[in-house]
Each structure stands twice: as structure tokens, then as C-alpha cells.
């Protein structure tokens, strides 16, 4: 029996088209370049990494330094799946990768990891230079128009043909395999508009609806609160929520009162649970502890002291430490009679300060969210295999935010996008080698 000829990656002649020049697409390009593939990257925007650059506007939070087990847990119900991606490129691996581009990183006081200089642009410039030097070709201002068809080439076997709308009109591009890294539906002005959803659904791919993640929530504030305190930060608070399934969120942090409701890091951390609870049964209630460093009994005793000639504003400031937006929230939603009853009852005041109810009516639209949840299913016959190849479209791989997972801010989003790109790139290269070996076996 003749041995199966070995197909080396360096000489395999693989032609790949990647759609999307964000972190996931570029990381897939890097992995494929290392495998010896010819790579062309197409993107609708004028330059690569537009959303990545936006993420670095206030200091690029690249990843997080917390222990691996805790890190994986940040991905919730997708912890196992994303954990497999992270096995190939975890937080330390991402820091090592950045160092290879000449960008040192450091751990901030909160455990978040940032590049030296706190900027995304130097990292992206170095990366693009290395990719171009290795032979990756970038085609900007080319928007995929949904065309993705099987094509036959007698010399190479079946492949794919894609359609793009570019500066000179519609173009058609051939490839042996494809990586789609199209992003979700947040920040559509930067290129991630979710337009790909109906196209993949029509091709037999199962897609979960794209919804808001890491988003703010709408609250029916009074005109007084909205006009006087919109944009005010809520520092040193605690947010608690129990959903309809009994799952509890309880964490300290900061939020912001906005004209439409509540937003900020603490709200984003709870957003998946809050969004799903609202979807399941309508408006949901969170409770804010406005003074988590003081017990309810301590506050009750302090507020029971006579206020003398002081106004209620000064009384709350002196004995409960409440002023500004926190004092306004204590009054919010109460009519004159209810407010008078509250001021006459120190125990009720303390209880309200420690568990102020806020009704959240709806998440903000996905185009305003920091990221989106939903996307191409990770499981099932119409989902993805372990290499992130579409089962319905062999030879087409997906990566990044367009997959059905989500994560809180803090470096977790970026890390998983990079890691999924690595998985898709290496998975595609391995799949191609297997295809070529299978063809060599079948040859007479």
C-alpha cells in the first residue's frame, strides 16, 4: 500500500479570503500566514481596526490579569467554549504577542492590562506592518454584499466565490476557504452593522438574534432628575438584582445617571442578566445601596438624631452622607405624601438608602451598546464545529463578536475576539491539510 503523501503547510498553496479587519480577522490572518497561506483581507471601512482604535481611545484595556479559572467564568454560559479558545491564546499569551510587536504591557490597580502608553494605535500599526510584510493583502472600502457561492475549479477542487461592493463597483473574488469576522451589531458606524445575519440564515446557518450587551437601561426618571442630574456619576454604590430564576447579582462599583436611565461599568457587568430578565417578563427592578460602607442600623441611628434648624438636605448630608444625585434619588418616585412619611421615619429612610428600588424598563438599542450578544450558534448541525467552521458551509469559518457569546468589559471581550481568530485561522489551515491529504489518498 502506498503511503499518503504528506502535505506541508509551507507549500500547500491555500488561498484564503478574510472578511473583516478587526482583531479576530487580523488574528486569523496571522495564523494563516504562519501556516503558509495566501491571505487577502477585505473590510468595508477605510482603514483596519476601527472599533479596536475606539476601544483604545480612553486607554486600551487589552486583557485582564485575574487567575485563569476566574477569567473563564466571565463568559457565563459560554465559559467552556470560550475556555477552549483561550487554551490557544490566553491573557498571558496576548501580552506575549504584544511584546513581540514591541509593545510592553502593564497591570493596572484593578487588574486590567494595558499597553504602555495606553494607546491602541502603536499596537495596530506594528501589527499591520508585520502582516503586510509577510504578504497579507488588505482591501479597504470593500463591503461584502452577501454573495457566497460554491465554485468549482478543475485544477484545485471546489472553493468559494464572494462578492464585494468596492470603490470601482461590484467585484467577485475566488478563494479556497473563507473566514468571516464581521462583528456583531454594536457601533454600526464603525462597520459592525449585523447585515450578514439574513445572508447566513438563508444559507442554512443558525443565528441567534443580536441583542445589546454591556449596555445602559431605560428608567422613567422625573423631569427634575433628568434635567438636574443627567450625566452625574454614582460612586461608591452597590447594585443588587435577583432575576425570575432566582439568580443573584450583587456587586459594588460605579454607575452613571443618564437622561434615559442608568449606565456605567457596574450596570454593564449586570447587563446580561438584566436584559434576559426583561426579555422574559418585562421591566425588572434593581436595588442600589447608596452607602454600602455603613450598615442599615448605623444609618437609622444617625438619621434619628434631631435635625434642629437644619434643612432636610443638610440633615441627609451630615448624618447619611447623601447629597447631590444620591439625595435626589432618595426622593425620586415619591409623591409629596410618601416623601413626608419617609422623612418622619428614620428606619424607613435607612432601609431605602440601603436598597433603593429602580425599575429598569428596557435595554438601550444594540447600536448604542458597547458590544452585542447572539450571533452564529456554537453548537448544533447548523452551527460551528470545534475549529469554528460552519457545518452548513464546509470551508467557511467564523470568528469574533459575530459568534454567539458575550463577556463584560475589562479586557474579556478583546481577549476572546483575538483567541477566536487564532482558533479559526489554525483550524482552517488544519482542515485544508486534511482535505488535501484525503484527496491524495483518493488519487489513483
Protein backbone atom coordinates (compact mmCIF):
# COMPACT_ATOMS: atom_id res chain seq x y z
CA UNK A 1 0.00 0.00 0.00
CA UNK A 2 1.32 3.43 -0.92
CA UNK A 3 1.80 5.89 1.93
CA UNK A 4 -0.36 9.01 1.98
CA UNK A 5 1.75 11.91 0.71
CA UNK A 6 2.40 14.48 3.42
CA UNK A 7 1.02 17.93 2.65
CA UNK A 8 3.26 20.57 4.17
CA UNK A 9 1.70 23.83 5.25
CA UNK A 10 4.52 25.85 3.73
CA UNK A 11 3.71 24.60 0.24
CA UNK A 12 0.00 23.98 0.41
CA UNK A 13 -0.99 26.90 -1.84
CA UNK A 14 -4.03 27.75 0.23
CA UNK A 15 -5.87 30.92 -0.83
CA UNK A 16 -7.99 32.47 1.92
CA UNK A 17 -10.31 35.45 1.92
CA UNK A 18 -10.99 37.02 5.31
CA UNK A 19 -13.94 39.38 5.61
CA UNK A 20 -13.39 41.81 8.46
CA UNK A 21 -10.21 43.63 9.52
CA UNK A 22 -10.83 43.76 13.25
CA UNK A 23 -8.88 41.85 15.93
CA UNK A 24 -10.49 38.49 15.12
CA UNK A 25 -9.98 38.76 11.36
CA UNK A 26 -6.41 40.02 11.65
CA UNK A 27 -5.51 37.30 14.16
CA UNK A 28 -6.91 34.68 11.78
CA UNK A 29 -4.78 36.25 9.04
CA UNK A 30 -1.68 36.00 11.22
CA UNK A 31 -2.32 32.33 11.99
CA UNK A 32 -2.90 31.51 8.32
CA UNK A 33 0.16 33.47 7.24
CA UNK A 34 2.25 31.39 9.65
CA UNK A 35 0.76 28.27 8.05
CA UNK A 36 1.91 29.31 4.59
CA UNK A 37 -1.41 30.50 3.20
CA UNK A 38 -2.02 33.36 0.78
CA UNK A 39 -4.29 35.76 2.62
CA UNK A 40 -6.47 38.62 1.42
CA UNK A 41 -8.42 40.66 3.97
CA UNK A 42 -11.46 42.70 2.92
CA UNK A 43 -13.20 45.34 5.01
CA UNK A 44 -15.93 47.91 4.39
CA UNK A 45 -14.17 50.69 6.31
CA UNK A 46 -11.40 52.99 5.00
CA UNK A 47 -8.85 51.53 7.44
CA UNK A 48 -8.39 48.43 9.57
CA UNK A 49 -9.30 48.02 13.22
CA UNK A 50 -11.67 50.98 13.55
CA UNK A 51 -13.53 49.59 16.58
CA UNK A 52 -10.23 48.45 18.10
CA UNK A 53 -8.95 52.01 17.86
CA UNK A 54 -12.13 53.30 19.50
CA UNK A 55 -11.62 50.85 22.37
CA UNK A 56 -8.21 52.41 22.92
CA UNK A 57 -9.45 55.97 22.92
CA UNK A 58 -9.53 56.16 26.71
CA UNK A 59 -6.68 53.68 27.27
CA UNK A 60 -6.74 50.28 25.59
CA UNK A 61 -7.83 47.60 28.08
CA UNK A 62 -6.25 44.68 26.23
CA UNK A 63 -6.92 41.87 28.71
CA UNK A 64 -7.11 41.09 32.44
CA UNK A 65 -4.63 39.60 34.88
CA UNK A 66 -7.01 37.61 37.09
CA UNK A 67 -6.49 33.83 37.51
CA UNK A 68 -7.44 31.65 34.55
CA UNK A 69 -10.41 29.96 36.26
CA UNK A 70 -11.97 33.31 37.23
CA UNK A 71 -11.17 34.67 33.78
CA UNK A 72 -13.04 31.87 32.04
CA UNK A 73 -16.02 32.27 34.36
CA UNK A 74 -16.56 35.78 32.96
CA UNK A 75 -18.04 34.20 29.84
CA UNK A 76 -21.03 32.80 31.70
CA UNK A 77 -22.83 30.01 29.87
CA UNK A 78 -20.11 30.07 27.19
CA UNK A 79 -17.26 29.61 29.68
CA UNK A 80 -16.40 26.10 28.42
CA UNK A 81 -16.47 27.03 24.73
CA UNK A 82 -14.51 30.25 25.13
CA UNK A 83 -12.17 28.46 27.53
CA UNK A 84 -11.16 26.19 24.66
CA UNK A 85 -10.32 29.25 22.57
CA UNK A 86 -8.28 30.67 25.42
CA UNK A 87 -6.27 27.45 25.61
CA UNK A 88 -4.59 28.64 22.40
CA UNK A 89 -4.27 32.30 23.31
CA UNK A 90 -4.93 33.38 26.89
CA UNK A 91 -4.28 36.65 28.70
CA UNK A 92 -0.56 35.99 29.14
CA UNK A 93 -0.30 34.79 25.56
CA UNK A 94 -1.85 38.04 24.40
CA UNK A 95 0.66 40.03 26.45
CA UNK A 96 3.49 37.99 24.94
CA UNK A 97 2.07 38.61 21.48
CA UNK A 98 2.01 42.37 22.12
CA UNK A 99 5.59 42.22 23.36
CA UNK A 100 6.53 40.54 20.09
CA UNK A 101 5.28 43.67 18.34
CA UNK A 102 7.47 45.83 20.57
CA UNK A 103 4.63 46.95 22.86
CA UNK A 104 5.08 46.34 26.57
CA UNK A 105 2.04 45.94 28.83
CA UNK A 106 1.37 46.60 32.50
CA UNK A 107 -1.24 45.62 35.06
CA UNK A 108 -3.33 48.47 36.44
CA UNK A 109 -4.59 48.76 40.00
CA UNK A 110 -7.85 46.96 39.10
CA UNK A 111 -6.06 44.04 37.45
CA UNK A 112 -6.77 45.27 33.94
CA UNK A 113 -3.90 45.02 31.45
CA UNK A 114 -2.95 48.00 29.29
CA UNK A 115 -0.24 48.63 26.70
CA UNK A 116 2.48 51.04 27.74
CA UNK A 117 1.37 54.43 26.53
CA UNK A 118 -2.31 53.41 26.91
CA UNK A 119 -2.86 53.63 23.15
CA UNK A 120 -4.19 51.17 20.57
CA UNK A 121 -2.66 52.87 17.53
CA UNK A 122 1.01 51.84 18.05
CA UNK A 123 -0.01 48.21 18.55
CA UNK A 124 -2.23 48.21 15.47
CA UNK A 125 0.39 49.93 13.30
CA UNK A 126 3.05 47.42 14.25
CA UNK A 127 0.70 44.53 13.65
CA UNK A 128 -0.44 45.72 10.24
CA UNK A 129 3.16 46.35 9.21
CA UNK A 130 4.12 42.80 10.16
CA UNK A 131 1.13 41.31 8.35
CA UNK A 132 1.78 43.28 5.18
CA UNK A 133 5.47 42.43 5.29
CA UNK A 134 4.51 38.76 5.49
CA UNK A 135 2.33 39.02 2.40
CA UNK A 136 -1.17 39.72 3.72
CA UNK A 137 -3.07 42.00 1.35
CA UNK A 138 -5.64 44.38 2.77
CA UNK A 139 -8.51 45.61 0.59
CA UNK A 140 -10.28 48.50 2.29
CA UNK A 141 -13.62 50.06 1.32
CA UNK A 142 -14.83 46.67 0.10
CA UNK A 143 -18.19 45.74 1.63
CA UNK A 144 -19.27 42.12 1.38
CA UNK A 145 -22.65 42.09 -0.37
CA UNK A 146 -23.76 38.67 0.85
CA UNK A 147 -22.67 36.65 -2.18
CA UNK A 148 -21.03 33.42 -1.01
CA UNK A 149 -21.25 30.63 -3.54
CA UNK A 150 -19.56 27.33 -4.08
CA UNK A 151 -17.32 27.36 -7.14
CA UNK A 152 -15.55 24.55 -8.96
CA UNK A 153 -12.00 24.77 -10.25
CA UNK A 154 -10.82 21.61 -12.01
CA UNK A 155 -7.22 22.24 -11.05
CA UNK A 156 -7.84 22.95 -7.37
CA UNK A 157 -11.14 21.36 -6.48
CA UNK A 158 -14.19 23.17 -5.09
CA UNK A 159 -13.80 26.57 -3.47
CA UNK A 160 -15.79 29.70 -2.81
CA UNK A 161 -16.66 32.87 -4.67
CA UNK A 162 -17.55 36.05 -2.80
CA UNK A 163 -18.97 39.35 -3.95
CA UNK A 164 -17.89 42.79 -2.75
CA UNK A 165 -19.01 46.32 -3.47
CA UNK A 166 -15.86 48.43 -3.71
CA UNK A 167 -14.60 51.78 -4.93
CA UNK A 168 -14.83 50.69 -8.56
CA UNK A 169 -18.11 48.81 -8.25
CA UNK A 170 -19.00 45.16 -7.70
CA UNK A 171 -16.18 42.64 -7.74
CA UNK A 172 -16.04 38.85 -7.49
CA UNK A 173 -13.26 37.09 -5.58
CA UNK A 174 -12.32 33.40 -5.53
CA UNK A 175 -10.88 31.56 -2.53
CA UNK A 176 -10.25 28.03 -1.35
CA UNK A 177 -11.65 28.89 2.09
CA UNK A 178 -13.16 31.86 3.88
CA UNK A 179 -13.04 33.43 7.35
CA UNK A 180 -15.94 35.67 8.29
CA UNK A 181 -15.08 38.08 11.11
CA UNK A 182 -17.87 40.58 10.60
CA UNK A 183 -18.51 41.69 14.17
CA UNK A 184 -21.86 41.99 15.88
CA UNK A 185 -24.29 44.89 15.67
CA UNK A 186 -22.88 47.45 18.10
CA UNK A 187 -21.33 50.68 16.81
CA UNK A 188 -22.53 50.19 13.22
CA UNK A 189 -20.82 53.39 12.08
CA UNK A 190 -17.53 51.56 12.61
CA UNK A 191 -18.55 48.69 10.34
CA UNK A 192 -20.33 46.15 12.58
CA UNK A 193 -23.93 46.51 11.48
CA UNK A 194 -25.14 42.90 11.58
CA UNK A 195 -26.15 43.00 7.89
CA UNK A 196 -24.77 39.48 7.46
CA UNK A 197 -27.49 37.83 9.57
CA UNK A 198 -30.12 37.20 6.85
CA UNK A 199 -27.46 36.12 4.36
CA UNK A 200 -26.10 33.37 6.60
CA UNK A 201 -29.59 32.35 7.71
CA UNK A 202 -30.57 31.91 4.05
CA UNK A 203 -27.54 29.64 3.64
CA UNK A 204 -28.76 27.34 6.41
CA UNK A 205 -26.72 28.76 9.29
CA UNK A 206 -28.42 29.07 12.67
CA UNK A 207 -28.08 32.59 14.07
CA UNK A 208 -29.31 33.81 17.45
CA UNK A 209 -30.70 37.37 17.26
CA UNK A 210 -28.14 40.07 18.01
CA UNK A 211 -29.07 41.98 21.17
CA UNK A 212 -27.47 44.60 23.39
CA UNK A 213 -24.65 43.64 25.75
CA UNK A 214 -22.67 45.92 28.07
CA UNK A 215 -25.41 48.47 27.69
CA UNK A 216 -27.41 51.03 29.61
CA UNK A 217 -31.05 50.63 30.65
CA UNK A 218 -34.03 52.91 30.41
CA UNK A 219 -35.63 54.35 33.56
CA UNK A 220 -38.67 56.64 33.69
CA UNK A 221 -36.93 59.45 35.58
CA UNK A 222 -38.82 62.54 36.63
CA UNK A 223 -38.13 65.68 34.62
CA UNK A 224 -36.41 67.16 37.68
CA UNK A 225 -33.92 64.33 37.99
CA UNK A 226 -33.34 64.17 34.24
CA UNK A 227 -32.74 67.90 33.85
CA UNK A 228 -30.67 68.40 37.02
CA UNK A 229 -28.59 65.24 37.27
CA UNK A 230 -28.18 63.61 33.84
CA UNK A 231 -24.51 62.69 33.46
CA UNK A 232 -23.83 62.61 37.21
CA UNK A 233 -21.73 59.66 38.45
CA UNK A 234 -22.90 57.39 41.23
CA UNK A 235 -19.71 56.50 43.06
CA UNK A 236 -19.29 54.04 45.88
CA UNK A 237 -22.60 52.19 45.41
CA UNK A 238 -23.69 48.58 45.27
CA UNK A 239 -26.16 47.09 42.79
CA UNK A 240 -28.23 44.00 43.61
CA UNK A 241 -30.64 42.11 41.38
CA UNK A 242 -32.44 38.78 41.60
CA UNK A 243 -33.91 37.56 38.32
CA UNK A 244 -37.03 35.48 37.79
CA UNK A 245 -34.98 32.29 38.01
CA UNK A 246 -33.53 33.25 41.36
CA UNK A 247 -30.06 34.12 40.09
CA UNK A 248 -28.49 36.91 42.11
CA UNK A 249 -26.15 39.69 41.06
CA UNK A 250 -24.62 41.74 43.87
CA UNK A 251 -21.55 43.88 43.28
CA UNK A 252 -20.03 47.21 44.30
CA UNK A 253 -18.85 49.76 41.78
CA UNK A 254 -19.86 52.89 39.93
CA UNK A 255 -22.69 53.86 37.60
CA UNK A 256 -23.95 56.98 35.87
CA UNK A 257 -27.39 58.56 35.84
CA UNK A 258 -28.12 59.40 32.21
CA UNK A 259 -31.03 61.24 30.62
CA UNK A 260 -32.55 57.91 29.59
CA UNK A 261 -31.74 55.87 32.72
CA UNK A 262 -28.69 54.10 34.13
CA UNK A 263 -25.39 53.17 32.54
CA UNK A 264 -21.76 52.67 33.56
CA UNK A 265 -19.39 49.83 34.42
CA UNK A 266 -21.48 48.38 37.26
CA UNK A 267 -24.61 48.32 35.08
CA UNK A 268 -22.69 46.79 32.18
CA UNK A 269 -21.47 43.99 34.44
CA UNK A 270 -25.08 43.06 35.22
CA UNK A 271 -26.44 43.76 31.74
CA UNK A 272 -26.73 40.16 30.51
CA UNK A 273 -28.86 39.12 33.48
CA UNK A 274 -30.90 42.33 33.38
CA UNK A 275 -31.51 42.11 29.62
CA UNK A 276 -32.58 38.48 29.76
CA UNK A 277 -34.88 39.10 32.74
CA UNK A 278 -36.62 41.95 30.92
CA UNK A 279 -36.97 39.79 27.80
CA UNK A 280 -38.51 37.01 29.90
CA UNK A 281 -41.09 39.07 31.76
CA UNK A 282 -40.92 42.80 31.20
CA UNK A 283 -39.48 45.56 33.42
CA UNK A 284 -37.24 44.42 36.25
CA UNK A 285 -36.13 46.06 39.50
CA UNK A 286 -32.60 46.56 40.77
CA UNK A 287 -31.73 47.81 44.24
CA UNK A 288 -28.98 50.34 44.83
CA UNK A 289 -27.15 50.54 48.13
CA UNK A 290 -26.21 54.22 48.23
CA UNK A 291 -23.97 53.80 51.30
CA UNK A 292 -22.51 50.26 51.26
CA UNK A 293 -19.82 51.16 53.79
CA UNK A 294 -22.44 51.82 56.51
CA UNK A 295 -24.94 49.39 57.99
CA UNK A 296 -28.66 49.98 57.94
CA UNK A 297 -28.76 50.14 61.73
CA UNK A 298 -25.95 52.71 61.82
CA UNK A 299 -27.80 54.87 59.33
CA UNK A 300 -31.06 54.54 61.24
CA UNK A 301 -29.45 55.72 64.47
CA UNK A 302 -27.73 58.63 62.74
CA UNK A 303 -30.89 59.77 60.98
CA UNK A 304 -32.94 59.51 64.20
CA UNK A 305 -30.97 62.39 65.68
CA UNK A 306 -32.94 65.61 65.69
CA UNK A 307 -32.27 67.87 62.75
CA UNK A 308 -32.96 71.08 64.67
CA UNK A 309 -32.91 74.06 62.35
CA UNK A 310 -31.11 72.20 59.59
CA UNK A 311 -32.85 71.60 56.28
CA UNK A 312 -33.53 68.03 55.21
CA UNK A 313 -30.84 68.46 52.57
CA UNK A 314 -28.23 69.30 55.21
CA UNK A 315 -29.58 66.64 57.58
CA UNK A 316 -29.15 63.91 54.94
CA UNK A 317 -25.72 65.22 54.03
CA UNK A 318 -24.49 65.34 57.64
CA UNK A 319 -25.96 62.12 59.04
CA UNK A 320 -26.28 59.88 55.99
CA UNK A 321 -23.57 61.27 53.72
CA UNK A 322 -26.13 61.83 50.94
CA UNK A 323 -26.03 64.85 48.70
CA UNK A 324 -26.39 65.73 45.05
CA UNK A 325 -27.61 62.93 42.83
CA UNK A 326 -27.80 60.38 45.68
CA UNK A 327 -30.09 62.64 47.71
CA UNK A 328 -32.19 63.27 44.61
CA UNK A 329 -32.55 59.52 44.03
CA UNK A 330 -33.84 59.09 47.57
CA UNK A 331 -36.72 61.43 46.70
CA UNK A 332 -37.28 60.08 43.17
CA UNK A 333 -40.61 58.39 42.52
CA UNK A 334 -42.27 59.53 45.76
CA UNK A 335 -45.20 61.92 45.83
CA UNK A 336 -45.47 64.62 48.49
CA UNK A 337 -47.32 62.41 50.98
CA UNK A 338 -44.94 59.48 50.56
CA UNK A 339 -41.92 61.77 50.91
CA UNK A 340 -43.31 63.33 54.10
CA UNK A 341 -43.96 59.86 55.54
CA UNK A 342 -40.41 58.80 54.70
CA UNK A 343 -38.86 61.83 56.39
CA UNK A 344 -40.82 61.06 59.54
CA UNK A 345 -39.43 57.50 59.75
CA UNK A 346 -35.62 57.14 60.21
CA UNK A 347 -35.87 53.35 59.86
CA UNK A 348 -37.62 53.67 56.50
CA UNK A 349 -35.04 56.23 55.37
CA UNK A 350 -32.18 53.86 56.26
CA UNK A 351 -33.88 50.94 54.53
CA UNK A 352 -34.38 52.99 51.36
CA UNK A 353 -30.78 54.20 51.35
CA UNK A 354 -29.58 50.60 51.64
CA UNK A 355 -31.95 49.17 48.99
CA UNK A 356 -33.25 51.91 46.71
CA UNK A 357 -35.55 50.30 44.11
CA UNK A 358 -35.01 51.35 40.48
CA UNK A 359 -37.28 49.92 37.77
CA UNK A 360 -35.45 49.21 34.50
CA UNK A 361 -37.85 49.21 31.57
CA UNK A 362 -35.66 48.15 28.63
CA UNK A 363 -32.05 47.86 27.48
CA UNK A 364 -30.80 50.56 25.16
CA UNK A 365 -30.73 49.72 21.42
CA UNK A 366 -27.95 47.41 20.26
CA UNK A 367 -26.38 50.11 18.08
CA UNK A 368 -25.62 52.07 21.27
CA UNK A 369 -24.22 49.12 23.20
CA UNK A 370 -20.53 48.52 23.77
CA UNK A 371 -20.95 45.01 22.37
CA UNK A 372 -23.67 42.62 21.28
CA UNK A 373 -24.76 39.15 22.32
CA UNK A 374 -26.15 36.49 20.00
CA UNK A 375 -24.81 35.54 16.60
CA UNK A 376 -23.74 32.33 14.88
CA UNK A 377 -24.59 29.39 17.11
CA UNK A 378 -21.65 27.48 18.54
CA UNK A 379 -23.46 24.16 18.57
CA UNK A 380 -25.87 22.06 16.55
CA UNK A 381 -25.93 20.83 12.94
CA UNK A 382 -26.37 24.40 11.65
CA UNK A 383 -23.73 25.83 13.97
CA UNK A 384 -19.95 25.63 14.24
CA UNK A 385 -17.54 22.77 14.84
CA UNK A 386 -14.62 22.94 17.27
CA UNK A 387 -12.46 24.63 14.60
CA UNK A 388 -15.14 27.34 14.20
CA UNK A 389 -16.09 26.06 10.74
CA UNK A 390 -19.73 26.32 9.70
CA UNK A 391 -21.20 22.84 9.49
CA UNK A 392 -23.62 24.04 6.81
CA UNK A 393 -20.80 25.59 4.71
CA UNK A 394 -17.61 23.49 4.87
CA UNK A 395 -14.61 25.68 4.26
CA UNK A 396 -16.23 28.78 5.77
CA UNK A 397 -15.06 29.74 9.25
CA UNK A 398 -16.31 32.43 11.65
CA UNK A 399 -14.64 34.37 14.45
CA UNK A 400 -15.07 37.27 16.83
CA UNK A 401 -18.15 39.08 18.02
CA UNK A 402 -20.37 37.59 15.32
CA UNK A 403 -20.37 34.33 17.31
CA UNK A 404 -22.97 33.58 19.99
CA UNK A 405 -21.12 34.56 23.18
CA UNK A 406 -20.69 37.65 25.32
CA UNK A 407 -18.48 38.99 28.07
CA UNK A 408 -18.28 42.01 30.37
CA UNK A 409 -15.89 44.86 29.76
CA UNK A 410 -12.48 44.64 31.39
CA UNK A 411 -10.41 43.09 28.60
CA UNK A 412 -12.51 39.93 28.30
CA UNK A 413 -14.18 40.95 25.05
CA UNK A 414 -10.94 41.71 23.24
CA UNK A 415 -9.15 38.63 24.54
CA UNK A 416 -11.84 36.26 23.29
CA UNK A 417 -12.03 38.03 19.92
CA UNK A 418 -8.28 37.58 19.44
CA UNK A 419 -8.43 33.97 20.67
CA UNK A 420 -11.34 33.03 18.40
CA UNK A 421 -9.45 34.46 15.43
CA UNK A 422 -6.47 32.26 16.28
CA UNK A 423 -8.75 29.20 16.52
CA UNK A 424 -10.41 29.93 13.18
CA UNK A 425 -7.09 30.54 11.42
CA UNK A 426 -5.32 27.45 12.72
CA UNK A 427 -8.49 25.39 12.32
CA UNK A 428 -8.79 26.39 8.69
CA UNK A 429 -5.16 25.51 7.99
CA UNK A 430 -5.57 22.10 9.63
CA UNK A 431 -8.82 21.47 7.74
CA UNK A 432 -7.13 22.31 4.43
CA UNK A 433 -4.27 19.93 5.09
CA UNK A 434 -6.77 17.18 5.87
CA UNK A 435 -8.67 17.89 2.67
CA UNK A 436 -5.51 17.72 0.59
CA UNK A 437 -4.38 14.53 2.28
CA UNK A 438 -7.79 12.99 1.69
CA UNK A 439 -7.55 13.94 -1.97
CA UNK A 440 -4.07 12.48 -2.23
CA UNK A 441 -5.35 9.22 -0.67
CA UNK A 442 -8.19 9.00 -3.16
CA UNK A 443 -5.91 9.63 -6.16
CA UNK A 444 -5.02 6.51 -8.23
